[in-house]
Protein backbone atom coordinates (compact mmCIF):
# COMPACT_ATOMS: atom_id res chain seq x y z
CA UNK A 1 -20.41 -16.80 6.76
CA UNK A 2 -17.71 -19.39 6.07
CA UNK A 3 -14.28 -19.62 7.57
CA UNK A 4 -11.77 -17.91 5.31
CA UNK A 5 -8.17 -19.10 5.21
CA UNK A 6 -5.49 -16.72 6.43
CA UNK A 7 -4.25 -16.02 2.90
CA UNK A 8 -7.66 -14.48 2.06
CA UNK A 9 -7.66 -12.31 5.20
CA UNK A 10 -4.29 -10.59 4.67
CA UNK A 11 -2.86 -8.68 1.74
CA UNK A 12 0.35 -9.93 0.20
CA UNK A 13 2.50 -12.85 1.21
CA UNK A 14 2.51 -14.23 4.72
CA UNK A 15 5.68 -13.55 6.74
CA UNK A 16 7.91 -16.63 7.02
CA UNK A 17 7.17 -17.09 10.72
CA UNK A 18 3.42 -17.15 10.13
CA UNK A 19 3.69 -19.28 6.99
CA UNK A 20 5.61 -21.85 9.07
CA UNK A 21 2.65 -22.33 11.44
CA UNK A 22 0.53 -25.44 11.15
CA UNK A 23 -2.68 -25.17 9.14
CA UNK A 24 -4.67 -25.39 12.38
CA UNK A 25 -2.81 -22.45 13.93
CA UNK A 26 -3.07 -20.39 10.73
CA UNK A 27 -6.84 -20.98 10.78
CA UNK A 28 -7.04 -19.91 14.43
CA UNK A 29 -5.18 -16.72 13.50
CA UNK A 30 -7.51 -16.16 10.53
CA UNK A 31 -10.54 -16.59 12.79
CA UNK A 32 -9.09 -14.11 15.30
CA UNK A 33 -8.46 -11.57 12.54
CA UNK A 34 -12.01 -12.02 11.26
CA UNK A 35 -13.47 -11.55 14.74
CA UNK A 36 -11.36 -8.43 15.32
CA UNK A 37 -12.48 -6.95 12.01
CA UNK A 38 -16.14 -7.61 12.84
CA UNK A 39 -15.76 -6.00 16.26
CA UNK A 40 -14.02 -3.01 14.69
CA UNK A 41 -16.81 -2.60 12.11
CA UNK A 42 -19.45 -2.75 14.86
CA UNK A 43 -17.56 -0.18 16.95
CA UNK A 44 -17.22 2.16 13.98
CA UNK A 45 -20.93 1.85 13.19
CA UNK A 46 -21.83 2.57 16.81
CA UNK A 47 -19.50 5.58 16.88
CA UNK A 48 -21.06 6.94 13.70
CA UNK A 49 -24.55 6.59 15.16
CA UNK A 50 -23.48 8.15 18.47
CA UNK A 51 -21.92 11.09 16.65
CA UNK A 52 -25.41 12.03 15.45
CA UNK A 53 -26.28 12.94 19.05
CA UNK A 54 -24.31 16.15 18.47
CA UNK A 55 -26.56 17.12 15.55
CA UNK A 56 -29.93 18.82 16.16
CA UNK A 57 -32.80 16.33 15.79
CA UNK A 58 -34.31 18.05 12.76
CA UNK A 59 -31.04 17.69 10.85
CA UNK A 60 -30.23 14.09 11.78
CA UNK A 61 -32.23 12.52 8.94
CA UNK A 62 -30.63 14.61 6.18
CA UNK A 63 -27.16 14.25 7.75
CA UNK A 64 -27.62 10.48 8.08
CA UNK A 65 -28.60 10.30 4.41
CA UNK A 66 -25.73 12.57 3.32
CA UNK A 67 -23.09 10.46 5.06
CA UNK A 68 -24.66 7.13 4.13
CA UNK A 69 -25.77 5.83 7.52
């Protein structure tokens, strides 16, 4: 996965204070945003899997399929 510039990681125009940052600092911010989004996606996936522990075992397969896990 390549390093995306900040303008590809956020919707809309950058606020003036962020746009004034050097290219190096904007890339560091873009990398931090990318890492945070990956961590969030992993946490959401883990939470979805853990939520299946509340479903009886015989129903987990059909429920997993129904919700797209």
